[in-house]
Amino acid sequence: MTNKQIYFENLDKVENLSYLPLEKKYLRILFIKTILSYLVLMGLALLLLLAEGLDHRLMITVCIEFVLLVVLSVNLLLLPKIFANKGFAIREHDITYRSGIIFLSVTSIPFCKIQQVSIRQNPLSRIFGLYVIDIVNGAQLLSEISIPGLTEERANEIKAIIIERMKYENK
């Protein structure tokens, strides 16, 4: 066993990885989830009209609805950029997931630290035929990766690669 010095210039940087994109249908799911969330919030804001002891309740409700509508519009404009920044990369010894636009988040989990890999669907993703793969790291707290927007074939392929690499890494 050797203990040679590592030079930063020779390391592969996570920023330089070529990330695989998520399925385009996942962008539709993001739009639907966002719109439904804001519709629920707007519906809840309408309940202020029932509050009898509140002065100027109509004006307050209109202001809240307007603010929610503006925030919804900004959110819908940002969704394509948010979607474009999501991606994953599989390397020899780890899997990496990237997301975010303002606060970029990059999470890498070495195959030797993975405890569980599972594939799931929620009702909305089932409509579009998409899956989420969850990768749980037992070595660190809160180091779980959930990669959404995958076809069934891609999700099963990633799961098989991870399980195979886990066997190889743990030898």
Protein backbone atom coordinates (compact mmCIF):
# COMPACT_ATOMS: atom_id res chain seq x y z
CA MET A 1 0.00 0.00 0.00
CA THR A 2 1.29 3.45 -0.91
CA ASN A 3 0.53 6.90 0.42
CA LYS A 4 1.41 9.19 -2.47
CA GLN A 5 0.52 12.86 -2.51
CA ILE A 6 -2.48 13.87 -4.59
CA TYR A 7 -2.27 17.04 -6.67
CA PHE A 8 -5.44 19.04 -7.21
CA GLU A 9 -4.64 19.65 -10.87
CA ASN A 10 -4.82 15.90 -11.55
CA LEU A 11 -8.20 15.29 -9.90
CA ASP A 12 -11.44 14.98 -11.85
CA LYS A 13 -13.66 17.77 -10.61
CA VAL A 14 -17.38 17.25 -10.04
CA GLU A 15 -18.07 20.54 -11.83
CA ASN A 16 -16.53 19.12 -15.01
CA LEU A 17 -18.73 16.02 -15.13
CA SER A 18 -21.02 15.43 -18.06
CA TYR A 19 -24.45 15.16 -16.41
CA LEU A 20 -27.19 13.10 -18.02
CA PRO A 21 -30.47 15.04 -18.24
CA LEU A 22 -33.83 13.94 -16.88
CA GLU A 23 -36.73 13.03 -19.18
CA LYS A 24 -38.47 16.04 -20.80
CA LYS A 25 -41.83 14.78 -19.48
CA TYR A 26 -40.58 15.54 -15.97
CA LEU A 27 -40.77 19.28 -16.77
CA ARG A 28 -44.54 18.87 -17.24
CA ILE A 29 -44.75 17.23 -13.82
CA LEU A 30 -42.90 20.19 -12.31
CA PHE A 31 -45.35 22.62 -13.95
CA ILE A 32 -48.40 20.66 -12.75
CA LYS A 33 -47.08 20.34 -9.17
CA THR A 34 -46.28 24.05 -9.03
CA ILE A 35 -49.64 25.15 -10.40
CA LEU A 36 -51.56 22.80 -8.08
CA SER A 37 -49.60 24.03 -5.05
CA TYR A 38 -50.34 27.67 -5.81
CA LEU A 39 -54.01 26.92 -6.53
CA VAL A 40 -54.29 25.35 -3.07
CA LEU A 41 -52.62 28.39 -1.50
CA MET A 42 -54.91 30.73 -3.42
CA GLY A 43 -57.93 28.71 -2.30
CA LEU A 44 -56.79 28.95 1.31
CA ALA A 45 -56.36 32.71 0.95
CA LEU A 46 -60.01 32.93 -0.12
CA LEU A 47 -60.98 31.60 3.32
CA LEU A 48 -60.03 35.04 4.69
CA LEU A 49 -63.28 36.30 3.17
CA LEU A 50 -65.13 34.21 5.77
CA ALA A 51 -63.38 35.93 8.70
CA GLU A 52 -66.02 38.34 9.97
CA GLY A 53 -63.92 40.12 12.57
CA LEU A 54 -61.22 41.12 10.08
CA ASP A 55 -61.33 44.70 8.78
CA HIS A 56 -60.69 45.20 5.05
CA ARG A 57 -60.77 41.46 4.44
CA LEU A 58 -61.59 41.89 0.75
CA MET A 59 -58.58 44.16 0.19
CA ILE A 60 -56.27 41.82 2.16
CA THR A 61 -57.49 38.81 0.18
CA VAL A 62 -57.01 40.59 -3.15
CA CYS A 63 -53.45 41.61 -2.15
CA ILE A 64 -52.57 38.06 -1.07
CA GLU A 65 -54.01 36.62 -4.28
CA PHE A 66 -52.05 39.15 -6.35
CA VAL A 67 -48.77 38.34 -4.56
CA LEU A 68 -49.37 34.60 -5.02
CA LEU A 69 -50.10 35.14 -8.71
CA VAL A 70 -46.87 37.12 -9.20
CA VAL A 71 -44.82 34.51 -7.32
CA LEU A 72 -46.46 31.74 -9.36
CA SER A 73 -45.55 33.55 -12.59
CA VAL A 74 -41.91 33.96 -11.54
CA ASN A 75 -41.79 30.32 -10.43
CA LEU A 76 -43.19 29.13 -13.77
CA LEU A 77 -40.61 31.23 -15.64
CA LEU A 78 -37.78 29.69 -13.59
CA LEU A 79 -38.93 26.06 -13.93
CA PRO A 80 -37.24 25.39 -17.31
CA LYS A 81 -33.92 26.65 -15.90
CA ILE A 82 -34.39 24.57 -12.73
CA PHE A 83 -35.14 21.52 -14.89
CA ALA A 84 -32.11 22.13 -17.12
CA ASN A 85 -29.78 22.17 -14.10
CA LYS A 86 -30.98 18.80 -12.80
CA GLY A 87 -28.90 15.83 -13.87
CA PHE A 88 -26.90 12.84 -12.74
CA ALA A 89 -23.57 11.25 -13.53
CA ILE A 90 -22.25 7.79 -12.82
CA ARG A 91 -18.51 7.39 -12.42
CA GLU A 92 -16.34 4.40 -11.59
CA HIS A 93 -16.72 4.66 -7.85
CA ASP A 94 -19.71 6.96 -7.20
CA ILE A 95 -22.97 8.46 -8.41
CA THR A 96 -23.57 12.23 -8.44
CA TYR A 97 -26.81 14.24 -8.62
CA ARG A 98 -26.96 17.98 -9.35
CA SER A 99 -29.88 20.37 -8.86
CA GLY A 100 -30.67 24.02 -8.12
CA ILE A 101 -30.12 27.34 -9.87
CA ILE A 102 -29.41 29.90 -7.17
CA PHE A 103 -28.02 27.47 -4.63
CA LEU A 104 -26.47 24.70 -6.69
CA SER A 105 -26.48 21.37 -4.89
CA VAL A 106 -24.19 18.52 -5.95
CA THR A 107 -24.37 15.28 -3.99
CA SER A 108 -22.05 12.34 -4.61
CA ILE A 109 -22.34 8.97 -2.93
CA PRO A 110 -19.60 6.34 -3.25
CA PHE A 111 -20.90 2.91 -4.22
CA CYS A 112 -19.20 1.33 -1.21
CA LYS A 113 -21.34 3.49 1.14
CA ILE A 114 -24.74 2.82 -0.46
CA GLN A 115 -27.08 0.77 1.72
CA GLN A 116 -30.29 0.77 -0.28
CA VAL A 117 -31.48 1.45 -3.82
CA SER A 118 -35.19 1.60 -4.59
CA ILE A 119 -37.43 2.67 -7.44
CA ARG A 120 -40.80 4.31 -6.86
CA GLN A 121 -43.61 6.24 -8.52
CA ASN A 122 -46.10 8.75 -7.20
CA PRO A 123 -49.56 9.16 -8.75
CA LEU A 124 -48.55 12.12 -10.92
CA SER A 125 -45.39 10.49 -12.26
CA ARG A 126 -47.37 7.30 -12.94
CA ILE A 127 -49.56 9.27 -15.37
CA PHE A 128 -46.45 10.26 -17.34
CA GLY A 129 -44.76 6.86 -16.96
CA LEU A 130 -41.81 8.23 -15.00
CA TYR A 131 -39.99 6.86 -11.97
CA VAL A 132 -37.80 8.08 -9.10
CA ILE A 133 -34.75 6.18 -7.92
CA ASP A 134 -33.81 6.62 -4.26
CA ILE A 135 -30.24 5.92 -3.17
CA VAL A 136 -29.61 5.80 0.58
CA ASN A 137 -26.14 6.33 2.02
CA GLY A 138 -25.70 4.70 5.40
CA ALA A 139 -22.42 6.43 6.17
CA GLN A 140 -23.59 10.02 6.50
CA LEU A 141 -26.69 11.71 7.78
CA LEU A 142 -28.88 13.29 5.09
CA SER A 143 -26.86 11.92 2.18
CA GLU A 144 -29.70 10.51 0.20
CA ILE A 145 -30.12 11.05 -3.51
CA SER A 146 -33.51 10.94 -5.20
CA ILE A 147 -33.25 11.12 -8.97
CA PRO A 148 -36.68 11.90 -10.45
CA GLY A 149 -37.89 11.93 -14.04
CA LEU A 150 -36.54 8.60 -15.25
CA THR A 151 -38.14 6.11 -17.58
CA GLU A 152 -38.68 2.63 -16.18
CA GLU A 153 -35.91 1.25 -18.38
CA ARG A 154 -33.41 3.94 -17.28
CA ALA A 155 -34.33 3.56 -13.58
CA ASN A 156 -33.86 -0.21 -13.70
CA GLU A 157 -30.61 0.22 -15.61
CA ILE A 158 -29.23 2.64 -13.00
CA LYS A 159 -30.34 0.36 -10.17
CA ALA A 160 -28.60 -2.62 -11.79
CA ILE A 161 -25.40 -0.63 -12.33
CA ILE A 162 -25.39 0.55 -8.71
CA ILE A 163 -26.00 -2.94 -7.32
CA GLU A 164 -23.25 -4.37 -9.54
CA ARG A 165 -20.83 -1.61 -8.54
CA MET A 166 -21.71 -2.09 -4.85
CA LYS A 167 -20.69 -5.76 -5.10
CA TYR A 168 -17.47 -4.81 -6.86
CA GLU A 169 -16.59 -1.99 -4.41
CA ASN A 170 -17.28 -4.05 -1.27
CA LYS A 171 -14.84 -6.85 -2.21
